[in-house]
Amino acid sequence: RNCILAMLDNNIIPVVNENDTISVNELMFTDNDELSCLISSMMDCRALFILTNVDGIYTGLPESDGTELIRKIEPESAGIEQYIFSFRSEFGRGGMHTKYRSARKLSSDGINVYIANGLRDSIVTDIIRGKDVPCTHFIPSQGKRNGVKKWIAYSEHFARGTIYINTGAREALLGPKASSLLLVGVTGIEGYFEKGDVVRIVDGDGNWIGLGKSEYDSEKAKENAGKKCSKPLVHYHYLVINEKSPIGRQL
């Protein structure tokens, strides 16, 4: 963040690429869509423009008769992903599915996201000026996650282990009240991790429930799995629920 701010203060436009030649393979992001959202969240940007070779998200194949462009996606909008086809551009690693998921995640941080056609002249400035140009606008949520939760939300590829939970723990985490993950609800531990590492949380059916910062290392977690302990395995302050989980929500 400080590096990018210093560059901007000196009228330098940062160019960031997920497959940079100095990147460590284990730390590479899946694509630039995900990376752009992380940077936008880190920099507290007002808006992110994801440019592609179509005007946005459609209700079917863009070239098909009767297909319509989805102009706005509200925070409570559901069922949009059923319209998306898994095509990628010639040079990109991420398809529209990735763009959609990344945009939903970022808009939940209170940031406007636009998916638009980068082949259209002046598309970004036209959107900024409020012109009626074709694009898909993800309306931001009113609430914002804190800085720690922002980073956890984008840490799926850095998670060190997997925590398996029972039905009771699953219902507590996905319920309307913010809850921590207690060891009594843990049925299994997979992988090696240290205290403070990010871990995945999965239910008995293999559904990804969320991500969180572990308060135990993997050995201590295995020793106490299924037991009643005063300290939670993942405190709700450091827990991010997967919005695609059944009846899921963002904490």
C-alpha atoms as a PDB file:
ATOM      1  CA  ARG A   1       0.000   0.000   0.000  1.00  0.00           C
ATOM      2  CA  ASN A   2       2.736   2.475   0.980  1.00  0.00           C
ATOM      3  CA  CYS A   3       4.674   1.652  -2.194  1.00  0.00           C
ATOM      4  CA  ILE A   4       1.672   2.279  -4.438  1.00  0.00           C
ATOM      5  CA  LEU A   5       0.798   5.500  -2.616  1.00  0.00           C
ATOM      6  CA  ALA A   6       4.374   6.749  -3.027  1.00  0.00           C
ATOM      7  CA  MET A   7       4.252   5.992  -6.751  1.00  0.00           C
ATOM      8  CA  LEU A   8       0.971   7.850  -7.168  1.00  0.00           C
ATOM      9  CA  ASP A   9       2.341  10.831  -5.229  1.00  0.00           C
ATOM     10  CA  ASN A  10       5.145  10.963  -7.798  1.00  0.00           C
ATOM     11  CA  ASN A  11       2.760  10.758 -10.773  1.00  0.00           C
ATOM     12  CA  ILE A  12       3.766   7.154 -11.516  1.00  0.00           C
ATOM     13  CA  ILE A  13       1.030   4.763 -12.616  1.00  0.00           C
ATOM     14  CA  PRO A  14       1.618   1.336 -10.993  1.00  0.00           C
ATOM     15  CA  VAL A  15       1.261  -1.681 -13.278  1.00  0.00           C
ATOM     16  CA  VAL A  16       0.670  -4.913 -11.352  1.00  0.00           C
ATOM     17  CA  ASN A  17       0.511  -8.339 -12.996  1.00  0.00           C
ATOM     18  CA  GLU A  18      -0.234 -11.636 -11.264  1.00  0.00           C
ATOM     19  CA  ASN A  19       2.272 -13.620 -13.375  1.00  0.00           C
ATOM     20  CA  ASP A  20       5.146 -11.186 -12.940  1.00  0.00           C
ATOM     21  CA  THR A  21       8.535 -12.783 -13.612  1.00  0.00           C
ATOM     22  CA  ILE A  22       9.619 -12.233  -9.998  1.00  0.00           C
ATOM     23  CA  SER A  23       6.536 -13.882  -8.512  1.00  0.00           C
ATOM     24  CA  VAL A  24       6.873 -16.952  -6.320  1.00  0.00           C
ATOM     25  CA  ASN A  25       4.764 -19.708  -7.879  1.00  0.00           C
ATOM     26  CA  GLU A  26       3.216 -20.724  -4.562  1.00  0.00           C
ATOM     27  CA  LEU A  27       2.024 -17.153  -3.980  1.00  0.00           C
ATOM     28  CA  MET A  28       0.666 -16.451  -7.470  1.00  0.00           C
ATOM     29  CA  PHE A  29      -2.954 -15.435  -7.782  1.00  0.00           C
ATOM     30  CA  THR A  30      -5.210 -17.340 -10.137  1.00  0.00           C
ATOM     31  CA  ASP A  31      -5.637 -14.287 -12.376  1.00  0.00           C
ATOM     32  CA  ASN A  32      -5.511 -10.503 -12.551  1.00  0.00           C
ATOM     33  CA  ASP A  33      -9.222 -10.176 -11.755  1.00  0.00           C
ATOM     34  CA  GLU A  34      -8.636 -11.523  -8.268  1.00  0.00           C
ATOM     35  CA  LEU A  35      -5.463  -9.490  -7.817  1.00  0.00           C
ATOM     36  CA  SER A  36      -7.104  -6.254  -8.969  1.00  0.00           C
ATOM     37  CA  CYS A  37      -9.862  -6.727  -6.398  1.00  0.00           C
ATOM     38  CA  LEU A  38      -7.357  -7.331  -3.610  1.00  0.00           C
ATOM     39  CA  ILE A  39      -5.423  -4.184  -4.522  1.00  0.00           C
ATOM     40  CA  SER A  40      -8.634  -2.140  -4.817  1.00  0.00           C
ATOM     41  CA  SER A  41      -9.687  -3.314  -1.371  1.00  0.00           C
ATOM     42  CA  MET A  42      -6.236  -2.632   0.086  1.00  0.00           C
ATOM     43  CA  MET A  43      -6.175   0.890  -1.369  1.00  0.00           C
ATOM     44  CA  ASP A  44      -9.789   1.672  -0.353  1.00  0.00           C
ATOM     45  CA  CYS A  45     -10.614   2.601  -3.933  1.00  0.00           C
ATOM     46  CA  ARG A  46     -13.954   4.121  -4.838  1.00  0.00           C
ATOM     47  CA  ALA A  47     -14.344   1.947  -7.948  1.00  0.00           C
ATOM     48  CA  LEU A  48     -12.748  -0.850  -9.958  1.00  0.00           C
ATOM     49  CA  PHE A  49     -13.150  -1.218 -13.724  1.00  0.00           C
ATOM     50  CA  ILE A  50     -12.720  -4.762 -15.061  1.00  0.00           C
ATOM     51  CA  LEU A  51     -12.318  -4.476 -18.825  1.00  0.00           C
ATOM     52  CA  THR A  52     -12.979  -7.418 -21.119  1.00  0.00           C
ATOM     53  CA  ASN A  53     -14.098  -8.038 -24.722  1.00  0.00           C
ATOM     54  CA  VAL A  54     -17.860  -7.896 -24.043  1.00  0.00           C
ATOM     55  CA  ASP A  55     -20.082  -5.213 -22.509  1.00  0.00           C
ATOM     56  CA  GLY A  56     -20.636  -7.063 -19.239  1.00  0.00           C
ATOM     57  CA  ILE A  57     -22.681  -9.978 -17.926  1.00  0.00           C
ATOM     58  CA  TYR A  58     -25.566 -11.171 -20.091  1.00  0.00           C
ATOM     59  CA  THR A  59     -28.573 -13.409 -19.508  1.00  0.00           C
ATOM     60  CA  GLY A  60     -27.060 -15.862 -21.999  1.00  0.00           C
ATOM     61  CA  LEU A  61     -24.534 -15.915 -24.803  1.00  0.00           C
ATOM     62  CA  PRO A  62     -23.900 -12.282 -25.833  1.00  0.00           C
ATOM     63  CA  GLU A  63     -24.439 -13.028 -29.525  1.00  0.00           C
ATOM     64  CA  SER A  64     -27.704 -14.974 -29.034  1.00  0.00           C
ATOM     65  CA  ASP A  65     -31.100 -13.497 -29.907  1.00  0.00           C
ATOM     66  CA  GLY A  66     -33.068 -12.331 -26.889  1.00  0.00           C
ATOM     67  CA  THR A  67     -30.024 -12.123 -24.639  1.00  0.00           C
ATOM     68  CA  GLU A  68     -29.962  -9.004 -22.475  1.00  0.00           C
ATOM     69  CA  LEU A  69     -27.148  -7.190 -20.723  1.00  0.00           C
ATOM     70  CA  ILE A  70     -27.489  -7.163 -16.929  1.00  0.00           C
ATOM     71  CA  ARG A  71     -26.923  -3.476 -16.171  1.00  0.00           C
ATOM     72  CA  LYS A  72     -26.969  -3.598 -12.358  1.00  0.00           C
ATOM     73  CA  ILE A  73     -26.281  -6.275  -9.771  1.00  0.00           C
ATOM     74  CA  GLU A  74     -27.468  -5.389  -6.282  1.00  0.00           C
ATOM     75  CA  PRO A  75     -25.895  -6.831  -3.091  1.00  0.00           C
ATOM     76  CA  GLU A  76     -28.974  -9.019  -2.590  1.00  0.00           C
ATOM     77  CA  SER A  77     -29.143 -10.204  -6.222  1.00  0.00           C
ATOM     78  CA  ALA A  78     -29.158 -13.993  -6.536  1.00  0.00           C
ATOM     79  CA  GLY A  79     -29.002 -16.517  -9.359  1.00  0.00           C
ATOM     80  CA  ILE A  80     -26.812 -14.381 -11.633  1.00  0.00           C
ATOM     81  CA  GLU A  81     -24.099 -17.007 -12.008  1.00  0.00           C
ATOM     82  CA  GLN A  82     -26.462 -19.366 -13.832  1.00  0.00           C
ATOM     83  CA  TYR A  83     -26.242 -17.062 -16.859  1.00  0.00           C
ATOM     84  CA  ILE A  84     -22.457 -17.038 -17.056  1.00  0.00           C
ATOM     85  CA  PHE A  85     -20.585 -19.213 -19.523  1.00  0.00           C
ATOM     86  CA  SER A  86     -16.984 -20.261 -18.887  1.00  0.00           C
ATOM     87  CA  PHE A  87     -15.328 -18.620 -21.872  1.00  0.00           C
ATOM     88  CA  ARG A  88     -11.960 -16.888 -21.596  1.00  0.00           C
ATOM     89  CA  SER A  89     -10.251 -14.371 -23.802  1.00  0.00           C
ATOM     90  CA  GLU A  90      -7.244 -15.419 -25.847  1.00  0.00           C
ATOM     91  CA  PHE A  91      -4.726 -13.989 -23.400  1.00  0.00           C
ATOM     92  CA  GLY A  92      -6.548 -14.152 -20.062  1.00  0.00           C
ATOM     93  CA  ARG A  93      -6.444 -16.819 -17.375  1.00  0.00           C
ATOM     94  CA  GLY A  94      -9.725 -15.865 -15.748  1.00  0.00           C
ATOM     95  CA  GLY A  95     -13.148 -16.163 -17.369  1.00  0.00           C
ATOM     96  CA  MET A  96     -16.387 -14.340 -16.608  1.00  0.00           C
ATOM     97  CA  HIS A  97     -17.065 -16.628 -13.634  1.00  0.00           C
ATOM     98  CA  THR A  98     -13.899 -15.351 -11.981  1.00  0.00           C
ATOM     99  CA  LYS A  99     -14.746 -11.751 -12.826  1.00  0.00           C
ATOM    100  CA  TYR A 100     -18.224 -12.152 -11.355  1.00  0.00           C
ATOM    101  CA  ARG A 101     -17.054 -13.789  -8.125  1.00  0.00           C
ATOM    102  CA  SER A 102     -14.255 -11.269  -7.644  1.00  0.00           C
ATOM    103  CA  ALA A 103     -16.634  -8.374  -8.303  1.00  0.00           C
ATOM    104  CA  ARG A 104     -19.208  -9.680  -5.812  1.00  0.00           C
ATOM    105  CA  LYS A 105     -16.528 -10.057  -3.173  1.00  0.00           C
ATOM    106  CA  LEU A 106     -15.191  -6.542  -3.720  1.00  0.00           C
ATOM    107  CA  SER A 107     -18.624  -4.899  -3.857  1.00  0.00           C
ATOM    108  CA  SER A 108     -19.327  -6.451  -0.444  1.00  0.00           C
ATOM    109  CA  ASP A 109     -16.424  -4.289   0.797  1.00  0.00           C
ATOM    110  CA  GLY A 110     -18.360  -1.179  -0.242  1.00  0.00           C
ATOM    111  CA  ILE A 111     -16.554  -0.590  -3.549  1.00  0.00           C
ATOM    112  CA  ASN A 112     -18.243  -0.007  -6.926  1.00  0.00           C
ATOM    113  CA  VAL A 113     -17.250  -2.530  -9.597  1.00  0.00           C
ATOM    114  CA  TYR A 114     -17.899  -2.189 -13.330  1.00  0.00           C
ATOM    115  CA  ILE A 115     -17.418  -4.942 -15.913  1.00  0.00           C
ATOM    116  CA  ALA A 116     -17.196  -3.243 -19.301  1.00  0.00           C
ATOM    117  CA  ASN A 117     -15.877  -3.610 -22.842  1.00  0.00           C
ATOM    118  CA  GLY A 118     -12.305  -2.358 -23.052  1.00  0.00           C
ATOM    119  CA  LEU A 119     -12.562  -2.185 -26.847  1.00  0.00           C
ATOM    120  CA  ARG A 120     -15.018   0.724 -26.624  1.00  0.00           C
ATOM    121  CA  ASP A 121     -13.436   4.161 -26.920  1.00  0.00           C
ATOM    122  CA  SER A 122     -13.368   6.215 -23.697  1.00  0.00           C
ATOM    123  CA  ILE A 123     -15.350   3.555 -21.824  1.00  0.00           C
ATOM    124  CA  VAL A 124     -13.851   4.336 -18.397  1.00  0.00           C
ATOM    125  CA  THR A 125     -14.217   8.106 -18.633  1.00  0.00           C
ATOM    126  CA  ASP A 126     -17.735   7.729 -20.027  1.00  0.00           C
ATOM    127  CA  ILE A 127     -18.761   5.648 -17.004  1.00  0.00           C
ATOM    128  CA  ILE A 128     -17.131   8.108 -14.596  1.00  0.00           C
ATOM    129  CA  ARG A 129     -18.985  10.985 -16.257  1.00  0.00           C
ATOM    130  CA  GLY A 130     -22.293   9.171 -15.851  1.00  0.00           C
ATOM    131  CA  LYS A 131     -22.944   8.557 -19.535  1.00  0.00           C
ATOM    132  CA  ASP A 132     -25.399   5.817 -20.463  1.00  0.00           C
ATOM    133  CA  VAL A 133     -22.912   3.275 -21.785  1.00  0.00           C
ATOM    134  CA  PRO A 134     -23.357  -0.514 -21.721  1.00  0.00           C
ATOM    135  CA  CYS A 135     -21.716  -2.200 -18.732  1.00  0.00           C
ATOM    136  CA  THR A 136     -22.540  -4.254 -15.646  1.00  0.00           C
ATOM    137  CA  HIS A 137     -22.403  -2.248 -12.417  1.00  0.00           C
ATOM    138  CA  PHE A 138     -22.062  -4.095  -9.102  1.00  0.00           C
ATOM    139  CA  ILE A 139     -23.745  -1.881  -6.512  1.00  0.00           C
ATOM    140  CA  PRO A 140     -21.637  -1.761  -3.319  1.00  0.00           C
ATOM    141  CA  SER A 141     -22.885  -2.910   0.066  1.00  0.00           C
ATOM    142  CA  GLN A 142     -23.419  -0.247   2.704  1.00  0.00           C
ATOM    143  CA  GLY A 143     -21.325  -1.966   5.354  1.00  0.00           C
ATOM    144  CA  LYS A 144     -17.579  -2.520   5.080  1.00  0.00           C
ATOM    145  CA  ARG A 145     -15.371  -5.275   6.461  1.00  0.00           C
ATOM    146  CA  ASN A 146     -12.396  -4.265   8.557  1.00  0.00           C
ATOM    147  CA  GLY A 147      -8.867  -4.492   7.177  1.00  0.00           C
ATOM    148  CA  VAL A 148      -8.096  -7.903   8.681  1.00  0.00           C
ATOM    149  CA  LYS A 149     -11.241  -9.492   7.270  1.00  0.00           C
ATOM    150  CA  LYS A 150     -10.522  -7.980   3.866  1.00  0.00           C
ATOM    151  CA  TRP A 151      -7.205  -9.799   3.710  1.00  0.00           C
ATOM    152  CA  ILE A 152      -8.692 -13.053   5.000  1.00  0.00           C
ATOM    153  CA  ALA A 153     -11.403 -12.874   2.321  1.00  0.00           C
ATOM    154  CA  TYR A 154      -8.719 -12.893  -0.395  1.00  0.00           C
ATOM    155  CA  SER A 155      -6.540 -15.563   1.250  1.00  0.00           C
ATOM    156  CA  GLU A 156      -8.164 -18.715  -0.127  1.00  0.00           C
ATOM    157  CA  HIS A 157      -5.055 -19.660  -2.108  1.00  0.00           C
ATOM    158  CA  PHE A 158      -2.818 -19.127   0.920  1.00  0.00           C
ATOM    159  CA  ALA A 159      -4.843 -21.258   3.355  1.00  0.00           C
ATOM    160  CA  ARG A 160      -2.583 -23.724   5.160  1.00  0.00           C
ATOM    161  CA  GLY A 161      -5.095 -26.302   6.307  1.00  0.00           C
ATOM    162  CA  THR A 162      -8.711 -27.431   6.291  1.00  0.00           C
ATOM    163  CA  ILE A 163     -11.076 -27.630   9.262  1.00  0.00           C
ATOM    164  CA  TYR A 164     -14.045 -30.017   9.000  1.00  0.00           C
ATOM    165  CA  ILE A 165     -17.083 -29.185  11.107  1.00  0.00           C
ATOM    166  CA  ASN A 166     -20.317 -30.883  12.147  1.00  0.00           C
ATOM    167  CA  THR A 167     -23.880 -29.787  11.438  1.00  0.00           C
ATOM    168  CA  GLY A 168     -24.230 -27.850  14.693  1.00  0.00           C
ATOM    169  CA  ALA A 169     -21.140 -25.762  14.005  1.00  0.00           C
ATOM    170  CA  ARG A 170     -22.243 -25.190  10.421  1.00  0.00           C
ATOM    171  CA  GLU A 171     -25.653 -23.904  11.499  1.00  0.00           C
ATOM    172  CA  ALA A 172     -24.059 -21.617  14.084  1.00  0.00           C
ATOM    173  CA  LEU A 173     -21.628 -20.093  11.586  1.00  0.00           C
ATOM    174  CA  LEU A 174     -24.284 -19.572   8.915  1.00  0.00           C
ATOM    175  CA  GLY A 175     -26.924 -18.308  11.319  1.00  0.00           C
ATOM    176  CA  PRO A 176     -28.008 -14.690  11.765  1.00  0.00           C
ATOM    177  CA  LYS A 177     -25.808 -14.148  14.834  1.00  0.00           C
ATOM    178  CA  ALA A 178     -22.030 -13.725  14.552  1.00  0.00           C
ATOM    179  CA  SER A 179     -20.414 -16.854  16.004  1.00  0.00           C
ATOM    180  CA  SER A 180     -16.902 -18.157  16.530  1.00  0.00           C
ATOM    181  CA  LEU A 181     -15.865 -21.662  15.504  1.00  0.00           C
ATOM    182  CA  LEU A 182     -15.530 -23.765  18.662  1.00  0.00           C
ATOM    183  CA  LEU A 183     -13.413 -26.896  18.825  1.00  0.00           C
ATOM    184  CA  VAL A 184     -16.378 -28.935  20.061  1.00  0.00           C
ATOM    185  CA  GLY A 185     -17.876 -28.601  16.579  1.00  0.00           C
ATOM    186  CA  VAL A 186     -14.727 -29.749  14.762  1.00  0.00           C
ATOM    187  CA  THR A 187     -14.727 -33.266  13.308  1.00  0.00           C
ATOM    188  CA  GLY A 188     -11.369 -33.280  11.536  1.00  0.00           C
ATOM    189  CA  ILE A 189      -8.172 -31.373  10.792  1.00  0.00           C
ATOM    190  CA  GLU A 190      -6.267 -31.629   7.512  1.00  0.00           C
ATOM    191  CA  GLY A 191      -2.853 -30.172   6.730  1.00  0.00           C
ATOM    192  CA  TYR A 192      -0.140 -28.511   8.785  1.00  0.00           C
ATOM    193  CA  PHE A 193      -0.530 -24.935  10.006  1.00  0.00           C
ATOM    194  CA  GLU A 194       0.761 -22.631  12.711  1.00  0.00           C
ATOM    195  CA  LYS A 195      -1.213 -20.422  15.062  1.00  0.00           C
ATOM    196  CA  GLY A 196      -2.247 -17.330  13.098  1.00  0.00           C
ATOM    197  CA  ASP A 197      -2.375 -19.073   9.713  1.00  0.00           C
ATOM    198  CA  VAL A 198      -5.475 -18.852   7.531  1.00  0.00           C
ATOM    199  CA  VAL A 199      -7.484 -22.087   7.306  1.00  0.00           C
ATOM    200  CA  ARG A 200     -10.454 -23.250   5.239  1.00  0.00           C
ATOM    201  CA  ILE A 201     -13.646 -24.312   6.986  1.00  0.00           C
ATOM    202  CA  VAL A 202     -15.624 -27.114   5.338  1.00  0.00           C
ATOM    203  CA  ASP A 203     -18.786 -28.957   6.415  1.00  0.00           C
ATOM    204  CA  GLY A 204     -19.424 -32.695   6.359  1.00  0.00           C
ATOM    205  CA  ASP A 205     -20.763 -32.555   2.798  1.00  0.00           C
ATOM    206  CA  GLY A 206     -17.625 -30.871   1.496  1.00  0.00           C
ATOM    207  CA  ASN A 207     -19.214 -27.412   1.185  1.00  0.00           C
ATOM    208  CA  TRP A 208     -16.771 -24.562   1.685  1.00  0.00           C
ATOM    209  CA  ILE A 209     -18.153 -22.527   4.592  1.00  0.00           C
ATOM    210  CA  GLY A 210     -15.478 -19.879   4.998  1.00  0.00           C
ATOM    211  CA  LEU A 211     -11.960 -18.810   5.892  1.00  0.00           C
ATOM    212  CA  GLY A 212     -10.493 -17.793   9.214  1.00  0.00           C
ATOM    213  CA  LYS A 213      -7.346 -17.206  11.233  1.00  0.00           C
ATOM    214  CA  SER A 214      -6.603 -20.168  13.482  1.00  0.00           C
ATOM    215  CA  GLU A 215      -6.002 -19.583  17.198  1.00  0.00           C
ATOM    216  CA  TYR A 216      -4.248 -22.980  17.444  1.00  0.00           C
ATOM    217  CA  ASP A 217      -1.560 -24.782  15.487  1.00  0.00           C
ATOM    218  CA  SER A 218      -2.622 -27.969  13.699  1.00  0.00           C
ATOM    219  CA  GLU A 219      -1.264 -30.319  16.398  1.00  0.00           C
ATOM    220  CA  LYS A 220      -3.110 -28.565  19.234  1.00  0.00           C
ATOM    221  CA  ALA A 221      -6.233 -28.375  17.095  1.00  0.00           C
ATOM    222  CA  LYS A 222      -6.122 -32.128  16.451  1.00  0.00           C
ATOM    223  CA  GLU A 223      -5.616 -32.850  20.158  1.00  0.00           C
ATOM    224  CA  ASN A 224      -8.656 -30.789  21.140  1.00  0.00           C
ATOM    225  CA  ALA A 225     -11.003 -31.429  18.196  1.00  0.00           C
ATOM    226  CA  GLY A 226     -14.459 -32.337  19.489  1.00  0.00           C
ATOM    227  CA  LYS A 227     -13.669 -31.128  23.013  1.00  0.00           C
ATOM    228  CA  LYS A 228     -15.134 -28.201  24.928  1.00  0.00           C
ATOM    229  CA  CYS A 229     -12.459 -25.510  25.193  1.00  0.00           C
ATOM    230  CA  SER A 230     -12.792 -21.915  26.356  1.00  0.00           C
ATOM    231  CA  LYS A 231     -10.765 -20.495  23.452  1.00  0.00           C
ATOM    232  CA  PRO A 232     -12.350 -20.850  19.994  1.00  0.00           C
ATOM    233  CA  LEU A 233     -10.429 -22.321  17.088  1.00  0.00           C
ATOM    234  CA  VAL A 234     -11.428 -19.335  14.921  1.00  0.00           C
ATOM    235  CA  HIS A 235     -12.767 -16.164  16.536  1.00  0.00           C
ATOM    236  CA  TYR A 236     -15.548 -14.406  14.652  1.00  0.00           C
ATOM    237  CA  HIS A 237     -13.409 -11.248  14.465  1.00  0.00           C
ATOM    238  CA  TYR A 238     -11.116 -13.222  12.143  1.00  0.00           C
ATOM    239  CA  LEU A 239     -13.745 -15.233  10.275  1.00  0.00           C
ATOM    240  CA  VAL A 240     -15.147 -14.597   6.787  1.00  0.00           C
ATOM    241  CA  ILE A 241     -18.127 -16.654   5.663  1.00  0.00           C
ATOM    242  CA  ASN A 242     -18.305 -17.742   2.031  1.00  0.00           C
ATOM    243  CA  GLU A 243     -21.223 -15.843   0.464  1.00  0.00           C
ATOM    244  CA  LYS A 244     -21.949 -18.833  -1.797  1.00  0.00           C
ATOM    245  CA  SER A 245     -22.520 -21.189   1.145  1.00  0.00           C
ATOM    246  CA  PRO A 246     -26.095 -22.400   1.552  1.00  0.00           C
ATOM    247  CA  ILE A 247     -27.928 -19.532   3.338  1.00  0.00           C
ATOM    248  CA  GLY A 248     -24.464 -17.984   3.574  1.00  0.00           C
ATOM    249  CA  ARG A 249     -23.702 -14.408   4.489  1.00  0.00           C
ATOM    250  CA  GLN A 250     -20.738 -12.106   4.822  1.00  0.00           C
ATOM    251  CA  LEU A 251     -19.758 -11.234   8.392  1.00  0.00           C
END
